[in-house]
PDB file of N, CA and C in Angstrom:
ATOM      1  N   UNK A   1     103.121-175.989  51.675  1.00  0.00           N
ATOM      2  CA  UNK A   1     102.700-175.738  51.241  1.00  0.00           C
ATOM      3  C   UNK A   1     101.377-174.837  51.934  1.00  0.00           C
ATOM      4  N   UNK A   2     100.391-175.186  52.363  1.00  0.00           N
ATOM      5  CA  UNK A   2      99.960-174.105  53.013  1.00  0.00           C
ATOM      6  C   UNK A   2     100.852-172.360  53.885  1.00  0.00           C
ATOM      7  N   UNK A   3     101.776-173.060  53.579  1.00  0.00           N
ATOM      8  CA  UNK A   3     102.358-171.907  55.065  1.00  0.00           C
ATOM      9  C   UNK A   3     102.581-170.497  53.671  1.00  0.00           C
ATOM     10  N   UNK A   4     103.228-171.674  52.498  1.00  0.00           N
ATOM     11  CA  UNK A   4     104.118-170.769  51.090  1.00  0.00           C
ATOM     12  C   UNK A   4     102.087-169.689  50.077  1.00  0.00           C
ATOM     13  N   UNK A   5     101.123-170.965  50.350  1.00  0.00           N
ATOM     14  CA  UNK A   5     100.167-170.289  49.671  1.00  0.00           C
ATOM     15  C   UNK A   5      99.929-169.436  50.225  1.00  0.00           C
ATOM     16  N   UNK A   6      99.655-169.429  51.397  1.00  0.00           N
ATOM     17  CA  UNK A   6      98.950-168.674  52.457  1.00  0.00           C
ATOM     18  C   UNK A   6      99.776-166.384  52.725  1.00  0.00           C
ATOM     19  N   UNK A   7     101.441-166.845  52.629  1.00  0.00           N
ATOM     20  CA  UNK A   7     101.839-165.584  52.277  1.00  0.00           C
ATOM     21  C   UNK A   7     102.282-165.468  51.262  1.00  0.00           C
ATOM     22  N   UNK A   8     102.119-166.378  49.734  1.00  0.00           N
ATOM     23  CA  UNK A   8     101.203-165.617  48.714  1.00  0.00           C
ATOM     24  C   UNK A   8     100.957-164.820  48.496  1.00  0.00           C
ATOM     25  N   UNK A   9      99.545-165.660  48.737  1.00  0.00           N
ATOM     26  CA  UNK A   9      97.894-164.182  49.247  1.00  0.00           C
ATOM     27  C   UNK A   9      98.116-163.921  49.826  1.00  0.00           C
ATOM     28  N   UNK A  10      98.650-163.233  51.184  1.00  0.00           N
ATOM     29  CA  UNK A  10      98.892-162.108  51.813  1.00  0.00           C
ATOM     30  C   UNK A  10     100.142-160.875  51.459  1.00  0.00           C
ATOM     31  N   UNK A  11     100.371-161.532  50.398  1.00  0.00           N
ATOM     32  CA  UNK A  11     101.440-160.659  49.995  1.00  0.00           C
ATOM     33  C   UNK A  11     100.772-159.696  48.645  1.00  0.00           C
ATOM     34  N   UNK A  12     100.181-160.285  47.737  1.00  0.00           N
ATOM     35  CA  UNK A  12      99.311-160.156  46.281  1.00  0.00           C
ATOM     36  C   UNK A  12      98.746-158.871  47.590  1.00  0.00           C
ATOM     37  N   UNK A  13      98.273-159.067  48.515  1.00  0.00           N
ATOM     38  CA  UNK A  13      96.653-158.477  49.337  1.00  0.00           C
ATOM     39  C   UNK A  13      97.592-157.153  49.783  1.00  0.00           C
ATOM     40  N   UNK A  14      98.384-157.175  50.062  1.00  0.00           N
ATOM     41  CA  UNK A  14      99.151-155.941  51.124  1.00  0.00           C
ATOM     42  C   UNK A  14     100.404-154.602  50.310  1.00  0.00           C
ATOM     43  N   UNK A  15     100.450-155.701  49.019  1.00  0.00           N
ATOM     44  CA  UNK A  15     100.516-155.033  47.757  1.00  0.00           C
ATOM     45  C   UNK A  15      99.368-154.016  46.971  1.00  0.00           C
ATOM     46  N   UNK A  16      97.715-154.376  47.274  1.00  0.00           N
ATOM     47  CA  UNK A  16      96.564-154.158  46.326  1.00  0.00           C
ATOM     48  C   UNK A  16      96.526-152.697  47.541  1.00  0.00           C
ATOM     49  N   UNK A  17      96.531-153.360  48.587  1.00  0.00           N
ATOM     50  CA  UNK A  17      95.835-152.686  50.035  1.00  0.00           C
ATOM     51  C   UNK A  17      97.387-151.179  49.343  1.00  0.00           C
ATOM     52  N   UNK A  18      98.463-150.888  49.273  1.00  0.00           N
ATOM     53  CA  UNK A  18      99.535-150.373  49.479  1.00  0.00           C
ATOM     54  C   UNK A  18      98.666-149.598  48.910  1.00  0.00           C
ATOM     55  N   UNK A  19      98.283-149.683  47.587  1.00  0.00           N
ATOM     56  CA  UNK A  19      97.717-148.130  47.060  1.00  0.00           C
ATOM     57  C   UNK A  19      96.408-147.358  47.729  1.00  0.00           C
ATOM     58  N   UNK A  20      95.964-147.738  49.116  1.00  0.00           N
ATOM     59  CA  UNK A  20      94.491-148.116  49.438  1.00  0.00           C
ATOM     60  C   UNK A  20      95.263-146.646  49.934  1.00  0.00           C
ATOM     61  N   UNK A  21      96.225-147.506  50.995  1.00  0.00           N
ATOM     62  CA  UNK A  21      96.801-146.400  52.674  1.00  0.00           C
ATOM     63  C   UNK A  21      98.284-147.891  52.789  1.00  0.00           C
ATOM     64  N   UNK A  22      99.037-146.796  53.286  1.00  0.00           N
ATOM     65  CA  UNK A  22     100.135-147.918  53.908  1.00  0.00           C
ATOM     66  C   UNK A  22     100.397-148.985  54.798  1.00  0.00           C
ATOM     67  N   UNK A  23      99.658-147.929  56.109  1.00  0.00           N
ATOM     68  CA  UNK A  23      98.726-148.519  56.941  1.00  0.00           C
ATOM     69  C   UNK A  23      97.852-149.986  56.887  1.00  0.00           C
ATOM     70  N   UNK A  24      96.977-150.019  56.771  1.00  0.00           N
ATOM     71  CA  UNK A  24      96.320-151.536  56.033  1.00  0.00           C
ATOM     72  C   UNK A  24      97.219-152.529  55.294  1.00  0.00           C
ATOM     73  N   UNK A  25      98.253-151.725  54.679  1.00  0.00           N
ATOM     74  CA  UNK A  25      99.213-153.244  53.754  1.00  0.00           C
ATOM     75  C   UNK A  25     100.114-153.603  55.257  1.00  0.00           C
ATOM     76  N   UNK A  26     100.602-152.883  56.327  1.00  0.00           N
ATOM     77  CA  UNK A  26     101.505-153.441  57.395  1.00  0.00           C
ATOM     78  C   UNK A  26     100.590-153.978  58.095  1.00  0.00           C
ATOM     79  N   UNK A  27     100.010-153.318  58.778  1.00  0.00           N
ATOM     80  CA  UNK A  27      98.360-154.303  59.822  1.00  0.00           C
ATOM     81  C   UNK A  27      97.979-156.068  58.693  1.00  0.00           C
ATOM     82  N   UNK A  28      97.914-155.583  57.780  1.00  0.00           N
ATOM     83  CA  UNK A  28      97.396-157.394  56.972  1.00  0.00           C
ATOM     84  C   UNK A  28      98.802-158.433  57.620  1.00  0.00           C
ATOM     85  N   UNK A  29      99.593-156.860  56.534  1.00  0.00           N
ATOM     86  CA  UNK A  29     101.015-158.179  56.867  1.00  0.00           C
ATOM     87  C   UNK A  29     101.262-158.174  58.860  1.00  0.00           C
ATOM     88  N   UNK A  30     101.531-157.486  59.298  1.00  0.00           N
ATOM     89  CA  UNK A  30     101.292-158.193  60.982  1.00  0.00           C
ATOM     90  C   UNK A  30     100.381-159.636  61.240  1.00  0.00           C
ATOM     91  N   UNK A  31      98.989-158.971  61.325  1.00  0.00           N
ATOM     92  CA  UNK A  31      98.080-160.518  60.939  1.00  0.00           C
ATOM     93  C   UNK A  31      98.459-161.557  60.327  1.00  0.00           C
ATOM     94  N   UNK A  32      98.832-161.453  58.531  1.00  0.00           N
ATOM     95  CA  UNK A  32      99.415-162.848  58.144  1.00  0.00           C
ATOM     96  C   UNK A  32     100.875-163.480  58.740  1.00  0.00           C
ATOM     97  N   UNK A  33     102.189-163.060  59.353  1.00  0.00           N
ATOM     98  CA  UNK A  33     103.147-162.957  60.313  1.00  0.00           C
ATOM     99  C   UNK A  33     102.019-163.813  61.309  1.00  0.00           C
ATOM    100  N   UNK A  34     101.200-162.903  61.905  1.00  0.00           N
ATOM    101  CA  UNK A  34     100.695-163.624  63.087  1.00  0.00           C
ATOM    102  C   UNK A  34     100.325-164.646  63.210  1.00  0.00           C
ATOM    103  N   UNK A  35      99.192-164.787  62.161  1.00  0.00           N
ATOM    104  CA  UNK A  35      98.507-166.499  62.134  1.00  0.00           C
ATOM    105  C   UNK A  35      99.152-167.256  61.624  1.00  0.00           C
ATOM    106  N   UNK A  36     100.415-167.396  60.185  1.00  0.00           N
ATOM    107  CA  UNK A  36     101.493-168.096  59.953  1.00  0.00           C
ATOM    108  C   UNK A  36     102.237-168.854  61.352  1.00  0.00           C
ATOM    109  N   UNK A  37     102.310-167.782  61.978  1.00  0.00           N
ATOM    110  CA  UNK A  37     103.560-168.683  63.338  1.00  0.00           C
ATOM    111  C   UNK A  37     102.290-169.152  64.126  1.00  0.00           C
ATOM    112  N   UNK A  38     101.354-168.608  64.601  1.00  0.00           N
ATOM    113  CA  UNK A  38     100.460-169.678  65.844  1.00  0.00           C
ATOM    114  C   UNK A  38     100.391-170.936  64.836  1.00  0.00           C
ATOM    115  N   UNK A  39     100.045-170.946  63.688  1.00  0.00           N
ATOM    116  CA  UNK A  39      99.535-171.901  62.872  1.00  0.00           C
ATOM    117  C   UNK A  39     100.771-173.003  63.342  1.00  0.00           C
ATOM    118  N   UNK A  40     102.078-172.448  62.661  1.00  0.00           N
ATOM    119  CA  UNK A  40     103.576-173.485  62.571  1.00  0.00           C
ATOM    120  C   UNK A  40     103.756-173.606  64.424  1.00  0.00           C
ATOM    121  N   UNK A  41     103.417-173.122  64.601  1.00  0.00           N
ATOM    122  CA  UNK A  41     103.355-173.447  66.578  1.00  0.00           C
ATOM    123  C   UNK A  41     103.782-174.581  67.002  1.00  0.00           C
ATOM    124  N   UNK A  42     102.276-175.789  66.004  1.00  0.00           N
ATOM    125  CA  UNK A  42     101.568-176.335  67.502  1.00  0.00           C
ATOM    126  C   UNK A  42     102.926-177.634  66.476  1.00  0.00           C
ATOM    127  N   UNK A  43     103.931-177.237  65.263  1.00  0.00           N
ATOM    128  CA  UNK A  43     105.133-178.331  64.765  1.00  0.00           C
ATOM    129  C   UNK A  43     106.041-178.386  65.256  1.00  0.00           C
ATOM    130  N   UNK A  44     106.078-176.581  65.924  1.00  0.00           N
ATOM    131  CA  UNK A  44     107.322-176.988  66.503  1.00  0.00           C
ATOM    132  C   UNK A  44     107.359-177.464  67.504  1.00  0.00           C
ATOM    133  N   UNK A  45     106.528-177.814  68.566  1.00  0.00           N
ATOM    134  CA  UNK A  45     106.544-178.608  70.042  1.00  0.00           C
ATOM    135  C   UNK A  45     106.762-179.853  69.337  1.00  0.00           C
ATOM    136  N   UNK A  46     105.983-180.376  68.289  1.00  0.00           N
ATOM    137  CA  UNK A  46     106.379-182.339  67.795  1.00  0.00           C
ATOM    138  C   UNK A  46     107.698-181.822  67.356  1.00  0.00           C
ATOM    139  N   UNK A  47     107.850-180.608  67.069  1.00  0.00           N
ATOM    140  CA  UNK A  47     109.907-181.079  67.210  1.00  0.00           C
ATOM    141  C   UNK A  47     110.462-181.017  68.237  1.00  0.00           C
ATOM    142  N   UNK A  48     109.957-180.268  68.826  1.00  0.00           N
ATOM    143  CA  UNK A  48     111.066-180.273  71.028  1.00  0.00           C
ATOM    144  C   UNK A  48     110.742-181.067  71.145  1.00  0.00           C
ATOM    145  N   UNK A  49     109.675-181.803  71.052  1.00  0.00           N
ATOM    146  CA  UNK A  49     109.394-183.404  72.314  1.00  0.00           C
ATOM    147  C   UNK A  49     109.729-184.631  70.932  1.00  0.00           C
ATOM    148  N   UNK A  50     110.508-185.039  69.838  1.00  0.00           N
ATOM    149  CA  UNK A  50     110.520-184.737  69.424  1.00  0.00           C
ATOM    150  C   UNK A  50     112.563-185.577  69.275  1.00  0.00           C
ATOM    151  N   UNK A  51     112.904-183.417  69.399  1.00  0.00           N
ATOM    152  CA  UNK A  51     113.559-184.370  70.254  1.00  0.00           C
ATOM    153  C   UNK A  51     114.896-184.598  71.382  1.00  0.00           C
ATOM    154  N   UNK A  52     113.774-184.132  72.177  1.00  0.00           N
ATOM    155  CA  UNK A  52     113.361-184.866  73.446  1.00  0.00           C
ATOM    156  C   UNK A  52     113.858-186.002  73.942  1.00  0.00           C
ATOM    157  N   UNK A  53     113.021-186.870  72.662  1.00  0.00           N
ATOM    158  CA  UNK A  53     112.802-188.062  72.535  1.00  0.00           C
ATOM    159  C   UNK A  53     113.917-189.075  72.120  1.00  0.00           C
ATOM    160  N   UNK A  54     114.825-188.361  71.236  1.00  0.00           N
ATOM    161  CA  UNK A  54     116.089-188.447  70.830  1.00  0.00           C
ATOM    162  C   UNK A  54     117.112-188.812  72.349  1.00  0.00           C
ATOM    163  N   UNK A  55     117.644-187.473  73.081  1.00  0.00           N
ATOM    164  CA  UNK A  55     117.999-187.618  73.917  1.00  0.00           C
ATOM    165  C   UNK A  55     117.987-188.474  75.546  1.00  0.00           C
ATOM    166  N   UNK A  56     116.457-188.381  75.329  1.00  0.00           N
ATOM    167  CA  UNK A  56     115.910-189.423  76.808  1.00  0.00           C
ATOM    168  C   UNK A  56     117.024-190.363  76.775  1.00  0.00           C
ATOM    169  N   UNK A  57     116.913-191.343  75.183  1.00  0.00           N
ATOM    170  CA  UNK A  57     117.118-192.462  73.925  1.00  0.00           C
ATOM    171  C   UNK A  57     118.341-193.129  74.328  1.00  0.00           C
ATOM    172  N   UNK A  58     119.315-192.028  74.627  1.00  0.00           N
ATOM    173  CA  UNK A  58     120.696-191.740  74.437  1.00  0.00           C
ATOM    174  C   UNK A  58     121.256-190.905  75.757  1.00  0.00           C
ATOM    175  N   UNK A  59     122.740-191.758  76.476  1.00  0.00           N
ATOM    176  CA  UNK A  59     123.169-191.166  77.335  1.00  0.00           C
ATOM    177  C   UNK A  59     123.857-189.984  76.989  1.00  0.00           C
ATOM    178  N   UNK A  60     123.223-188.561  76.801  1.00  0.00           N
ATOM    179  CA  UNK A  60     123.430-187.946  75.769  1.00  0.00           C
ATOM    180  C   UNK A  60     123.583-186.568  76.629  1.00  0.00           C
ATOM    181  N   UNK A  61     124.050-185.896  77.682  1.00  0.00           N
ATOM    182  CA  UNK A  61     123.617-184.984  78.870  1.00  0.00           C
ATOM    183  C   UNK A  61     122.395-184.135  78.864  1.00  0.00           C
ATOM    184  N   UNK A  62     121.710-184.140  78.947  1.00  0.00           N
ATOM    185  CA  UNK A  62     120.515-183.533  79.113  1.00  0.00           C
ATOM    186  C   UNK A  62     120.971-181.885  78.730  1.00  0.00           C
ATOM    187  N   UNK A  63     121.591-180.745  79.877  1.00  0.00           N
ATOM    188  CA  UNK A  63     122.297-179.802  79.008  1.00  0.00           C
ATOM    189  C   UNK A  63     122.575-179.919  77.826  1.00  0.00           C
ATOM    190  N   UNK A  64     122.822-180.759  76.636  1.00  0.00           N
ATOM    191  CA  UNK A  64     122.866-180.561  75.619  1.00  0.00           C
ATOM    192  C   UNK A  64     122.433-180.300  74.926  1.00  0.00           C
ATOM    193  N   UNK A  65     120.754-180.642  75.010  1.00  0.00           N
ATOM    194  CA  UNK A  65     119.548-180.268  74.355  1.00  0.00           C
ATOM    195  C   UNK A  65     119.180-178.645  74.860  1.00  0.00           C
ATOM    196  N   UNK A  66     119.864-178.212  75.616  1.00  0.00           N
ATOM    197  CA  UNK A  66     118.749-177.244  76.604  1.00  0.00           C
ATOM    198  C   UNK A  66     120.033-175.929  75.616  1.00  0.00           C
ATOM    199  N   UNK A  67     121.484-176.555  74.929  1.00  0.00           N
ATOM    200  CA  UNK A  67     121.770-175.742  74.423  1.00  0.00           C
ATOM    201  C   UNK A  67     121.297-175.669  72.976  1.00  0.00           C
ATOM    202  N   UNK A  68     121.081-176.003  72.439  1.00  0.00           N
ATOM    203  CA  UNK A  68     120.474-177.125  71.021  1.00  0.00           C
ATOM    204  C   UNK A  68     120.046-175.732  70.910  1.00  0.00           C
ATOM    205  N   UNK A  69     118.541-175.099  71.537  1.00  0.00           N
ATOM    206  CA  UNK A  69     117.567-174.928  71.643  1.00  0.00           C
ATOM    207  C   UNK A  69     117.442-173.830  71.868  1.00  0.00           C
ATOM    208  N   UNK A  70     118.607-173.316  72.817  1.00  0.00           N
ATOM    209  CA  UNK A  70     118.762-172.068  72.922  1.00  0.00           C
ATOM    210  C   UNK A  70     119.348-170.910  71.432  1.00  0.00           C
ATOM    211  N   UNK A  71     120.472-171.704  70.433  1.00  0.00           N
ATOM    212  CA  UNK A  71     120.949-171.380  69.573  1.00  0.00           C
ATOM    213  C   UNK A  71     120.735-171.307  68.378  1.00  0.00           C
ATOM    214  N   UNK A  72     119.503-172.481  68.131  1.00  0.00           N
ATOM    215  CA  UNK A  72     118.171-172.344  66.924  1.00  0.00           C
ATOM    216  C   UNK A  72     116.729-171.430  67.464  1.00  0.00           C
ATOM    217  N   UNK A  73     116.860-170.925  68.544  1.00  0.00           N
ATOM    218  CA  UNK A  73     116.094-170.082  69.686  1.00  0.00           C
ATOM    219  C   UNK A  73     116.411-169.203  68.158  1.00  0.00           C
ATOM    220  N   UNK A  74     117.973-168.284  69.197  1.00  0.00           N
ATOM    221  CA  UNK A  74     118.878-166.920  68.712  1.00  0.00           C
ATOM    222  C   UNK A  74     119.327-166.913  67.031  1.00  0.00           C
ATOM    223  N   UNK A  75     119.134-168.321  66.362  1.00  0.00           N
ATOM    224  CA  UNK A  75     119.234-167.769  64.399  1.00  0.00           C
ATOM    225  C   UNK A  75     117.506-168.275  64.040  1.00  0.00           C
ATOM    226  N   UNK A  76     116.226-168.689  64.510  1.00  0.00           N
ATOM    227  CA  UNK A  76     115.408-167.421  64.360  1.00  0.00           C
ATOM    228  C   UNK A  76     114.927-166.362  64.631  1.00  0.00           C
ATOM    229  N   UNK A  77     115.417-166.835  65.782  1.00  0.00           N
ATOM    230  CA  UNK A  77     114.880-165.429  66.069  1.00  0.00           C
ATOM    231  C   UNK A  77     116.598-163.720  65.589  1.00  0.00           C
ATOM    232  N   UNK A  78     117.613-164.224  64.923  1.00  0.00           N
ATOM    233  CA  UNK A  78     118.101-163.067  64.962  1.00  0.00           C
ATOM    234  C   UNK A  78     117.611-162.740  63.193  1.00  0.00           C
ATOM    235  N   UNK A  79     117.779-164.295  62.936  1.00  0.00           N
ATOM    236  CA  UNK A  79     116.969-164.005  61.365  1.00  0.00           C
ATOM    237  C   UNK A  79     115.377-162.987  60.492  1.00  0.00           C
ATOM    238  N   UNK A  80     114.483-163.362  62.224  1.00  0.00           N
ATOM    239  CA  UNK A  80     113.553-163.102  61.882  1.00  0.00           C
ATOM    240  C   UNK A  80     114.342-161.117  61.570  1.00  0.00           C
ATOM    241  N   UNK A  81     114.834-160.977  63.153  1.00  0.00           N
ATOM    242  CA  UNK A  81     114.632-159.281  62.747  1.00  0.00           C
ATOM    243  C   UNK A  81     116.021-158.990  62.168  1.00  0.00           C
ATOM    244  N   UNK A  82     116.670-159.371  61.479  1.00  0.00           N
ATOM    245  CA  UNK A  82     117.153-158.638  59.842  1.00  0.00           C
ATOM    246  C   UNK A  82     116.252-158.720  59.091  1.00  0.00           C
ATOM    247  N   UNK A  83     115.237-160.016  58.038  1.00  0.00           N
ATOM    248  CA  UNK A  83     114.909-159.502  57.737  1.00  0.00           C
ATOM    249  C   UNK A  83     113.870-158.514  57.475  1.00  0.00           C
ATOM    250  N   UNK A  84     113.795-157.936  59.098  1.00  0.00           N
ATOM    251  CA  UNK A  84     112.069-156.559  59.303  1.00  0.00           C
ATOM    252  C   UNK A  84     113.700-155.459  59.054  1.00  0.00           C
ATOM    253  N   UNK A  85     114.860-156.086  60.146  1.00  0.00           N
ATOM    254  CA  UNK A  85     115.632-154.614  58.885  1.00  0.00           C
ATOM    255  C   UNK A  85     115.579-154.271  57.800  1.00  0.00           C
ATOM    256  N   UNK A  86     116.022-155.366  57.508  1.00  0.00           N
ATOM    257  CA  UNK A  86     115.976-155.569  55.542  1.00  0.00           C
ATOM    258  C   UNK A  86     115.162-154.538  55.333  1.00  0.00           C
ATOM    259  N   UNK A  87     113.814-155.486  55.362  1.00  0.00           N
ATOM    260  CA  UNK A  87     112.802-154.500  54.859  1.00  0.00           C
ATOM    261  C   UNK A  87     112.275-153.615  54.931  1.00  0.00           C
ATOM    262  N   UNK A  88     112.977-152.812  56.105  1.00  0.00           N
ATOM    263  CA  UNK A  88     113.163-151.629  56.144  1.00  0.00           C
ATOM    264  C   UNK A  88     113.910-150.170  55.807  1.00  0.00           C
ATOM    265  N   UNK A  89     114.955-151.011  54.491  1.00  0.00           N
ATOM    266  CA  UNK A  89     115.797-150.565  54.020  1.00  0.00           C
ATOM    267  C   UNK A  89     117.447-150.280  55.337  1.00  0.00           C
ATOM    268  N   UNK A  90     117.311-150.632  56.161  1.00  0.00           N
ATOM    269  CA  UNK A  90     118.417-150.863  57.299  1.00  0.00           C
ATOM    270  C   UNK A  90     119.661-151.023  57.327  1.00  0.00           C
ATOM    271  N   UNK A  91     119.894-151.667  56.104  1.00  0.00           N
ATOM    272  CA  UNK A  91     121.128-152.994  55.731  1.00  0.00           C
ATOM    273  C   UNK A  91     122.433-152.697  56.779  1.00  0.00           C
ATOM    274  N   UNK A  92     122.822-152.072  57.501  1.00  0.00           N
ATOM    275  CA  UNK A  92     123.583-151.915  58.379  1.00  0.00           C
ATOM    276  C   UNK A  92     123.124-152.425  59.735  1.00  0.00           C
ATOM    277  N   UNK A  93     122.180-151.147  60.021  1.00  0.00           N
ATOM    278  CA  UNK A  93     121.229-152.375  60.973  1.00  0.00           C
ATOM    279  C   UNK A  93     121.207-154.163  61.319  1.00  0.00           C
ATOM    280  N   UNK A  94     120.752-154.214  59.916  1.00  0.00           N
ATOM    281  CA  UNK A  94     120.828-155.591  59.670  1.00  0.00           C
ATOM    282  C   UNK A  94     122.156-156.567  59.687  1.00  0.00           C
ATOM    283  N   UNK A  95     122.938-155.834  59.000  1.00  0.00           N
ATOM    284  CA  UNK A  95     123.989-156.379  58.946  1.00  0.00           C
ATOM    285  C   UNK A  95     124.867-156.603  60.921  1.00  0.00           C
ATOM    286  N   UNK A  96     124.303-155.738  62.103  1.00  0.00           N
ATOM    287  CA  UNK A  96     125.381-155.859  62.856  1.00  0.00           C
ATOM    288  C   UNK A  96     124.103-156.517  63.457  1.00  0.00           C
ATOM    289  N   UNK A  97     122.053-156.422  63.804  1.00  0.00           N
ATOM    290  CA  UNK A  97     122.053-157.856  64.434  1.00  0.00           C
ATOM    291  C   UNK A  97     122.173-159.838  63.426  1.00  0.00           C
ATOM    292  N   UNK A  98     123.111-159.647  62.442  1.00  0.00           N
ATOM    293  CA  UNK A  98     123.595-160.458  62.094  1.00  0.00           C
ATOM    294  C   UNK A  98     124.653-160.842  62.642  1.00  0.00           C
ATOM    295  N   UNK A  99     125.992-159.360  63.514  1.00  0.00           N
ATOM    296  CA  UNK A  99     126.864-160.424  63.473  1.00  0.00           C
ATOM    297  C   UNK A  99     126.262-160.850  65.006  1.00  0.00           C
ATOM    298  N   UNK A 100     125.792-159.709  65.636  1.00  0.00           N
ATOM    299  CA  UNK A 100     125.543-159.808  67.734  1.00  0.00           C
ATOM    300  C   UNK A 100     124.853-161.529  67.458  1.00  0.00           C
ATOM    301  N   UNK A 101     124.038-161.727  66.258  1.00  0.00           N
ATOM    302  CA  UNK A 101     123.034-163.520  66.519  1.00  0.00           C
ATOM    303  C   UNK A 101     124.984-164.575  66.124  1.00  0.00           C
ATOM    304  N   UNK A 102     124.931-164.131  65.825  1.00  0.00           N
ATOM    305  CA  UNK A 102     126.363-165.636  65.221  1.00  0.00           C
ATOM    306  C   UNK A 102     127.665-165.319  66.451  1.00  0.00           C
ATOM    307  N   UNK A 103     127.867-163.992  67.744  1.00  0.00           N
ATOM    308  CA  UNK A 103     128.315-164.210  68.439  1.00  0.00           C
ATOM    309  C   UNK A 103     127.635-165.019  69.888  1.00  0.00           C
ATOM    310  N   UNK A 104     126.256-164.847  69.463  1.00  0.00           N
ATOM    311  CA  UNK A 104     125.447-165.015  71.210  1.00  0.00           C
ATOM    312  C   UNK A 104     125.442-166.533  70.680  1.00  0.00           C
ATOM    313  N   UNK A 105     125.152-167.374  69.644  1.00  0.00           N
ATOM    314  CA  UNK A 105     125.343-168.160  69.305  1.00  0.00           C
ATOM    315  C   UNK A 105     126.655-168.425  69.796  1.00  0.00           C
ATOM    316  N   UNK A 106     128.148-168.083  69.608  1.00  0.00           N
ATOM    317  CA  UNK A 106     128.810-169.219  70.196  1.00  0.00           C
ATOM    318  C   UNK A 106     128.979-169.343  71.484  1.00  0.00           C
ATOM    319  N   UNK A 107     128.483-168.023  71.836  1.00  0.00           N
ATOM    320  CA  UNK A 107     128.716-167.499  73.589  1.00  0.00           C
ATOM    321  C   UNK A 107     128.066-168.639  74.509  1.00  0.00           C
ATOM    322  N   UNK A 108     127.061-169.402  73.490  1.00  0.00           N
ATOM    323  CA  UNK A 108     125.694-169.920  74.221  1.00  0.00           C
ATOM    324  C   UNK A 108     126.826-171.171  73.755  1.00  0.00           C
ATOM    325  N   UNK A 109     126.929-171.745  72.897  1.00  0.00           N
ATOM    326  CA  UNK A 109     127.867-173.604  72.937  1.00  0.00           C
ATOM    327  C   UNK A 109     128.851-173.320  73.040  1.00  0.00           C
ATOM    328  N   UNK A 110     129.404-172.085  73.982  1.00  0.00           N
ATOM    329  CA  UNK A 110     131.239-172.612  74.607  1.00  0.00           C
ATOM    330  C   UNK A 110     131.669-174.261  75.494  1.00  0.00           C
ATOM    331  N   UNK A 111     129.799-174.249  76.536  1.00  0.00           N
ATOM    332  CA  UNK A 111     130.182-175.307  76.898  1.00  0.00           C
ATOM    333  C   UNK A 111     130.623-177.131  76.002  1.00  0.00           C
ATOM    334  N   UNK A 112     130.117-176.124  74.984  1.00  0.00           N
ATOM    335  CA  UNK A 112     130.138-177.603  73.832  1.00  0.00           C
ATOM    336  C   UNK A 112     131.265-177.716  72.821  1.00  0.00           C
ATOM    337  N   UNK A 113     131.895-176.802  73.205  1.00  0.00           N
ATOM    338  CA  UNK A 113     133.225-176.665  72.968  1.00  0.00           C
ATOM    339  C   UNK A 113     134.287-176.897  73.255  1.00  0.00           C
ATOM    340  N   UNK A 114     133.550-177.146  75.068  1.00  0.00           N
ATOM    341  CA  UNK A 114     134.565-176.902  76.159  1.00  0.00           C
ATOM    342  C   UNK A 114     134.821-178.898  75.864  1.00  0.00           C
ATOM    343  N   UNK A 115     133.458-179.631  76.318  1.00  0.00           N
ATOM    344  CA  UNK A 115     132.579-180.441  75.826  1.00  0.00           C
ATOM    345  C   UNK A 115     134.278-181.439  75.196  1.00  0.00           C
ATOM    346  N   UNK A 116     133.540-181.191  74.239  1.00  0.00           N
ATOM    347  CA  UNK A 116     134.232-181.374  72.700  1.00  0.00           C
ATOM    348  C   UNK A 116     135.865-182.351  72.135  1.00  0.00           C
ATOM    349  N   UNK A 117     136.126-180.960  72.725  1.00  0.00           N
ATOM    350  CA  UNK A 117     137.649-180.968  72.977  1.00  0.00           C
ATOM    351  C   UNK A 117     138.315-181.427  73.892  1.00  0.00           C
ATOM    352  N   UNK A 118     137.721-181.571  75.440  1.00  0.00           N
ATOM    353  CA  UNK A 118     137.870-182.607  76.074  1.00  0.00           C
ATOM    354  C   UNK A 118     138.223-184.356  75.629  1.00  0.00           C
ATOM    355  N   UNK A 119     137.030-184.194  74.869  1.00  0.00           N
ATOM    356  CA  UNK A 119     136.512-185.452  74.739  1.00  0.00           C
ATOM    357  C   UNK A 119     137.733-185.945  73.462  1.00  0.00           C
ATOM    358  N   UNK A 120     138.124-185.375  73.006  1.00  0.00           N
ATOM    359  CA  UNK A 120     139.394-185.879  71.875  1.00  0.00           C
ATOM    360  C   UNK A 120     140.728-185.365  72.302  1.00  0.00           C
ATOM    361  N   UNK A 121     140.076-184.726  73.112  1.00  0.00           N
ATOM    362  CA  UNK A 121     142.551-185.246  74.011  1.00  0.00           C
ATOM    363  C   UNK A 121     142.464-186.133  74.908  1.00  0.00           C
ATOM    364  N   UNK A 122     140.770-187.595  75.539  1.00  0.00           N
ATOM    365  CA  UNK A 122     141.235-188.032  76.169  1.00  0.00           C
ATOM    366  C   UNK A 122     141.249-188.973  74.445  1.00  0.00           C
ATOM    367  N   UNK A 123     140.547-189.037  73.533  1.00  0.00           N
ATOM    368  CA  UNK A 123     140.277-189.996  72.524  1.00  0.00           C
ATOM    369  C   UNK A 123     142.108-189.541  72.472  1.00  0.00           C
ATOM    370  N   UNK A 124     143.129-189.554  72.202  1.00  0.00           N
ATOM    371  CA  UNK A 124     143.891-188.446  72.013  1.00  0.00           C
ATOM    372  C   UNK A 124     145.233-189.505  72.444  1.00  0.00           C
ATOM    373  N   UNK A 125     144.545-189.063  73.609  1.00  0.00           N
ATOM    374  CA  UNK A 125     145.375-189.625  75.100  1.00  0.00           C
ATOM    375  C   UNK A 125     145.931-189.033  75.673  1.00  0.00           C
ATOM    376  N   UNK A 126     146.157-187.295  75.005  1.00  0.00           N
ATOM    377  CA  UNK A 126     146.319-186.130  76.567  1.00  0.00           C
ATOM    378  C   UNK A 126     145.199-185.560  77.488  1.00  0.00           C
ATOM    379  N   UNK A 127     145.956-184.843  78.681  1.00  0.00           N
ATOM    380  CA  UNK A 127     144.876-184.517  79.437  1.00  0.00           C
ATOM    381  C   UNK A 127     144.185-184.039  79.466  1.00  0.00           C
ATOM    382  N   UNK A 128     142.703-183.466  80.257  1.00  0.00           N
ATOM    383  CA  UNK A 128     141.757-182.918  80.420  1.00  0.00           C
ATOM    384  C   UNK A 128     142.302-181.917  81.542  1.00  0.00           C
TER     385      UNK A 128
END
């Protein structure tokens, strides 16, 4: 809730400052985004540690954790970039970034697809 409240307050201030000068509004927005990101960074670290703990308690290959975290990172970065492009009224560029992000996740996750296919074949009695 505190992140949402800070974002709304920064948005209102940015709208007010836009009348004074576009550059002030832009600087305020960049500062607000940076502060919110730093604030939420500690939660991200706790979440990653929690996920690592889950993988440590199981016999799941640790390389899958790396793949999972890379895919999550790609999704976050792609979403942020798409939003920036949309804010700049660049819809075509936003769509292209989204497509590139999806393809990147697919390529990054290919080892998981291979492993799942291997498991499915073993369970069904097929050869690997």
